[in-house]
Amino acid sequence: TGNRLDTANQVKQEIYKFDLSRHRTMDGYGRDTQKVDFVDRGGPVKVYDRNAEYPIGATLEDKSTMSIPIRSLALNGDTIYAPDSLGNRILKVHKVTGATGTINNVLVACGIAIDGSGNIWVGTSHSNVSVYSEFGDWLGTPIKGLQEVRSLAISGNTLYVADQKANLVRKYSILGVSAILQSAFGRPMSPGDRSNEALKEIRAVAADRLGNLFIADRPGDG
């Protein structure tokens, strides 16, 4: 949760805060969830506490992504992984205690998924997908040359990569840290086009165990 950074060149850095909160589902009847403290934190994990600022040298394209620095989460065991594009890192947070760690030097990190081996797949530098071990070791960058990686999902040995600017979700088969393109879903939307494969501004993708693909597009489109 947090406040979006102004993407103008002059940013009032002192007013922006971002944190990770923990919630407990109350029941299955539509009641609100209950916000609960991380055990060792006594509250949310503060990512930026009125000190958010763009890195020196950040381009306008970088700032567009960094304006909402945390756009996705992944869970592996007791660890939450959150790519932080503003900090060029992946945050690691224990889901109960709130204890934190980082994987650093992950440039413009956006979109994340974890495979069955525990390897972390993350969008980097807008156009690439890199792989890190659960300990933070860089294992490779098997996918390059996309337009704007926004979200990732993994089902078994299949990786889905949402390329927002291309209006496509690309499907790869993965083995170890290699990725082979199999197909792509989607096409740019034109005025009045409301067909299922017409995409406008993909926000997120998810896949279930059967490989069914779920796409969140811009409200009102697709």
Protein backbone atom coordinates (compact mmCIF):
# COMPACT_ATOMS: atom_id res chain seq x y z
CA THR A 1 0.00 0.00 0.00
CA GLY A 2 1.15 3.57 -0.39
CA ASN A 3 0.96 6.82 -2.30
CA ARG A 4 1.92 6.98 -5.96
CA LEU A 5 4.97 9.10 -6.69
CA ASP A 6 4.51 12.09 -8.96
CA THR A 7 6.17 11.25 -12.28
CA ALA A 8 7.10 14.87 -13.01
CA ASN A 9 10.75 15.84 -12.93
CA GLN A 10 10.33 17.68 -9.64
CA VAL A 11 9.04 15.30 -6.95
CA LYS A 12 8.08 16.25 -3.41
CA GLN A 13 9.92 13.28 -1.97
CA GLU A 14 9.04 13.84 1.68
CA ILE A 15 5.34 13.00 1.41
CA TYR A 16 5.54 9.49 -0.01
CA LYS A 17 5.18 6.30 2.04
CA PHE A 18 4.96 2.65 1.01
CA ASP A 19 4.54 -0.40 3.22
CA LEU A 20 3.65 -4.09 3.22
CA SER A 21 0.74 -5.06 5.44
CA ARG A 22 -0.48 -8.38 6.79
CA HIS A 23 -4.18 -9.32 6.76
CA ARG A 24 -6.22 -12.27 8.00
CA THR A 25 -9.33 -13.41 6.15
CA MET A 26 -12.32 -13.29 8.49
CA ASP A 27 -14.64 -15.78 6.79
CA GLY A 28 -16.00 -16.85 3.43
CA TYR A 29 -19.08 -14.65 3.40
CA GLY A 30 -17.69 -11.41 2.04
CA ARG A 31 -16.76 -9.79 5.33
CA ASP A 32 -13.75 -7.52 5.41
CA THR A 33 -10.36 -8.95 6.21
CA GLN A 34 -8.69 -8.05 9.48
CA LYS A 35 -5.39 -6.20 9.48
CA VAL A 36 -2.94 -7.83 11.90
CA ASP A 37 0.59 -6.98 12.97
CA PHE A 38 3.72 -8.77 11.87
CA VAL A 39 4.89 -10.54 15.03
CA ASP A 40 8.25 -8.76 15.40
CA ARG A 41 7.20 -5.48 13.82
CA GLY A 42 4.07 -4.46 15.64
CA GLY A 43 2.67 -3.13 12.38
CA PRO A 44 3.38 -3.00 8.65
CA VAL A 45 6.82 -3.35 7.10
CA LYS A 46 7.80 0.17 6.07
CA VAL A 47 9.47 0.13 2.69
CA TYR A 48 9.64 3.91 2.28
CA ASP A 49 8.74 6.14 5.21
CA ARG A 50 8.46 9.62 3.68
CA ASN A 51 11.83 9.12 1.98
CA ALA A 52 10.91 7.71 -1.44
CA GLU A 53 12.92 9.21 -4.26
CA TYR A 54 13.93 8.29 -7.77
CA PRO A 55 17.50 7.06 -8.31
CA ILE A 56 19.94 9.46 -9.90
CA GLY A 57 19.87 8.96 -13.64
CA ALA A 58 16.40 7.40 -13.74
CA THR A 59 14.78 7.92 -17.14
CA LEU A 60 11.18 8.97 -17.70
CA GLU A 61 10.46 5.33 -18.62
CA ASP A 62 12.04 4.22 -15.34
CA LYS A 63 9.97 6.74 -13.38
CA SER A 64 6.78 5.54 -15.02
CA THR A 65 7.39 2.07 -13.57
CA MET A 66 8.87 3.31 -10.30
CA SER A 67 5.92 5.60 -9.57
CA ILE A 68 4.29 2.51 -8.01
CA PRO A 69 7.40 0.66 -6.86
CA ILE A 70 5.76 -2.54 -5.62
CA ARG A 71 3.30 -3.99 -8.13
CA SER A 72 3.43 -7.72 -7.37
CA LEU A 73 4.18 -10.32 -4.68
CA ALA A 74 5.16 -13.98 -4.63
CA LEU A 75 5.16 -16.44 -1.74
CA ASN A 76 7.55 -19.36 -1.28
CA GLY A 77 7.32 -21.17 2.04
CA ASP A 78 7.30 -18.52 4.74
CA THR A 79 8.94 -15.83 2.61
CA ILE A 80 7.18 -13.09 0.67
CA TYR A 81 9.12 -11.72 -2.31
CA ALA A 82 8.29 -8.20 -3.49
CA PRO A 83 10.11 -6.62 -6.46
CA ASP A 84 10.86 -2.97 -5.66
CA SER A 85 11.54 -1.12 -8.91
CA LEU A 86 12.41 2.12 -7.11
CA GLY A 87 15.09 0.43 -5.01
CA ASN A 88 16.36 -1.85 -7.82
CA ARG A 89 15.93 -4.85 -5.55
CA ILE A 90 13.71 -7.70 -4.42
CA LEU A 91 12.46 -7.43 -0.86
CA LYS A 92 12.24 -10.61 1.23
CA VAL A 93 9.78 -10.52 4.14
CA HIS A 94 8.92 -13.33 6.55
CA LYS A 95 5.16 -13.67 6.32
CA VAL A 96 4.67 -13.98 10.11
CA THR A 97 7.52 -12.15 11.84
CA GLY A 98 8.10 -9.41 9.28
CA ALA A 99 11.87 -10.01 9.29
CA THR A 100 13.32 -8.52 6.12
CA GLY A 101 16.15 -9.09 3.68
CA THR A 102 16.95 -8.01 0.13
CA ILE A 103 18.30 -9.23 -3.17
CA ASN A 104 20.10 -6.19 -4.55
CA ASN A 105 21.11 -4.91 -7.98
CA VAL A 106 17.90 -6.08 -9.67
CA LEU A 107 17.39 -3.19 -12.09
CA VAL A 108 13.84 -1.79 -12.37
CA ALA A 109 12.41 -4.97 -10.84
CA CYS A 110 8.78 -5.48 -11.86
CA GLY A 111 6.79 -8.72 -11.94
CA ILE A 112 7.78 -11.89 -10.11
CA ALA A 113 7.09 -15.62 -10.01
CA ILE A 114 8.75 -18.60 -8.33
CA ASP A 115 9.20 -21.99 -9.98
CA GLY A 116 9.07 -25.44 -8.42
CA SER A 117 12.81 -25.36 -7.65
CA GLY A 118 12.51 -22.14 -5.70
CA ASN A 119 14.20 -20.06 -8.38
CA ILE A 120 12.92 -16.49 -8.65
CA TRP A 121 11.90 -15.17 -12.08
CA VAL A 122 11.64 -11.39 -12.21
CA GLY A 123 11.16 -8.71 -14.85
CA THR A 124 14.22 -6.44 -15.08
CA SER A 125 15.17 -3.28 -16.97
CA HIS A 126 11.70 -3.11 -18.58
CA SER A 127 12.47 -5.61 -21.35
CA ASN A 128 14.12 -8.64 -19.74
CA VAL A 129 13.32 -11.55 -17.44
CA SER A 130 16.12 -12.66 -15.12
CA VAL A 131 16.42 -15.62 -12.76
CA TYR A 132 17.81 -15.61 -9.21
CA SER A 133 18.26 -18.38 -6.68
CA GLU A 134 16.34 -18.21 -3.41
CA PHE A 135 19.64 -17.05 -1.86
CA GLY A 136 19.91 -14.12 -4.24
CA ASP A 137 22.45 -15.44 -6.73
CA TRP A 138 21.93 -14.28 -10.32
CA LEU A 139 21.48 -17.38 -12.50
CA GLY A 140 20.89 -15.80 -15.88
CA THR A 141 18.69 -13.61 -18.09
CA PRO A 142 17.01 -16.05 -20.47
CA ILE A 143 14.45 -13.60 -21.90
CA LYS A 144 15.45 -10.29 -23.49
CA GLY A 145 14.09 -7.74 -25.91
CA LEU A 146 10.48 -7.41 -24.74
CA GLN A 147 8.82 -4.00 -24.48
CA GLU A 148 7.53 -3.58 -20.91
CA VAL A 149 7.42 -6.56 -18.56
CA ARG A 150 4.65 -5.98 -16.04
CA SER A 151 3.71 -9.34 -14.49
CA LEU A 152 4.80 -12.99 -14.42
CA ALA A 153 3.09 -16.25 -13.54
CA ILE A 154 4.26 -19.88 -13.43
CA SER A 155 2.22 -23.06 -13.65
CA GLY A 156 4.33 -26.21 -13.58
CA ASN A 157 6.99 -25.79 -16.27
CA THR A 158 5.14 -22.97 -18.03
CA LEU A 159 6.01 -19.31 -17.59
CA TYR A 160 3.64 -16.52 -18.60
CA VAL A 161 5.08 -13.04 -19.17
CA ALA A 162 2.76 -10.03 -19.52
CA ASP A 163 4.28 -7.49 -21.90
CA GLN A 164 2.19 -4.38 -21.28
CA LYS A 165 3.30 -2.23 -24.21
CA ALA A 166 3.00 -5.09 -26.70
CA ASN A 167 -0.48 -6.00 -25.38
CA LEU A 168 0.63 -9.64 -25.22
CA VAL A 169 1.03 -12.44 -22.71
CA ARG A 170 3.84 -14.68 -23.90
CA LYS A 171 3.97 -18.36 -22.95
CA TYR A 172 7.34 -20.06 -22.39
CA SER A 173 8.37 -23.56 -21.44
CA ILE A 174 11.07 -23.45 -18.78
CA LEU A 175 13.75 -25.95 -17.85
CA GLY A 176 16.25 -24.92 -15.22
CA VAL A 177 17.02 -21.32 -16.10
CA SER A 178 16.24 -21.59 -19.80
CA ALA A 179 13.01 -20.41 -21.41
CA ILE A 180 11.66 -21.34 -24.86
CA LEU A 181 8.86 -19.27 -26.40
CA GLN A 182 5.82 -21.41 -27.23
CA SER A 183 3.07 -18.96 -28.12
CA ALA A 184 1.53 -15.58 -27.33
CA PHE A 185 -1.97 -14.44 -26.44
CA GLY A 186 -3.52 -11.05 -27.11
CA ARG A 187 -3.48 -8.15 -29.53
CA PRO A 188 -3.84 -4.35 -29.28
CA MET A 189 -7.35 -3.08 -28.69
CA SER A 190 -8.98 -0.72 -31.18
CA PRO A 191 -11.93 1.61 -30.43
CA GLY A 192 -15.10 -0.39 -29.83
CA ASP A 193 -13.23 -3.72 -29.73
CA ARG A 194 -14.32 -5.78 -26.72
CA SER A 195 -13.21 -9.25 -27.80
CA ASN A 196 -11.47 -11.37 -25.16
CA GLU A 197 -8.06 -11.32 -26.84
CA ALA A 198 -8.03 -7.52 -27.26
CA LEU A 199 -5.82 -6.04 -24.53
CA LYS A 200 -5.22 -2.42 -23.62
CA GLU A 201 -2.99 -2.12 -20.55
CA ILE A 202 -2.25 -5.42 -18.81
CA ARG A 203 -1.89 -4.99 -15.04
CA ALA A 204 -1.33 -8.57 -13.87
CA VAL A 205 -1.48 -12.25 -14.86
CA ALA A 206 -1.96 -15.41 -12.82
CA ALA A 207 -2.19 -19.09 -13.68
CA ASP A 208 -3.77 -21.97 -11.77
CA ARG A 209 -2.47 -25.53 -11.47
CA LEU A 210 -4.35 -26.56 -14.60
CA GLY A 211 -2.64 -23.85 -16.63
CA ASN A 212 -5.71 -21.63 -16.94
CA LEU A 213 -4.60 -18.04 -17.46
CA PHE A 214 -6.16 -15.03 -15.75
CA ILE A 215 -5.46 -11.50 -17.00
CA ALA A 216 -6.23 -8.19 -15.29
CA ASP A 217 -6.51 -5.49 -17.94
CA ARG A 218 -7.21 -1.78 -17.51
CA PRO A 219 -10.68 -1.22 -15.99
CA GLY A 220 -13.32 -1.01 -18.70
CA ASP A 221 -11.19 -2.66 -21.36
CA GLY A 222 -10.79 -6.27 -22.51
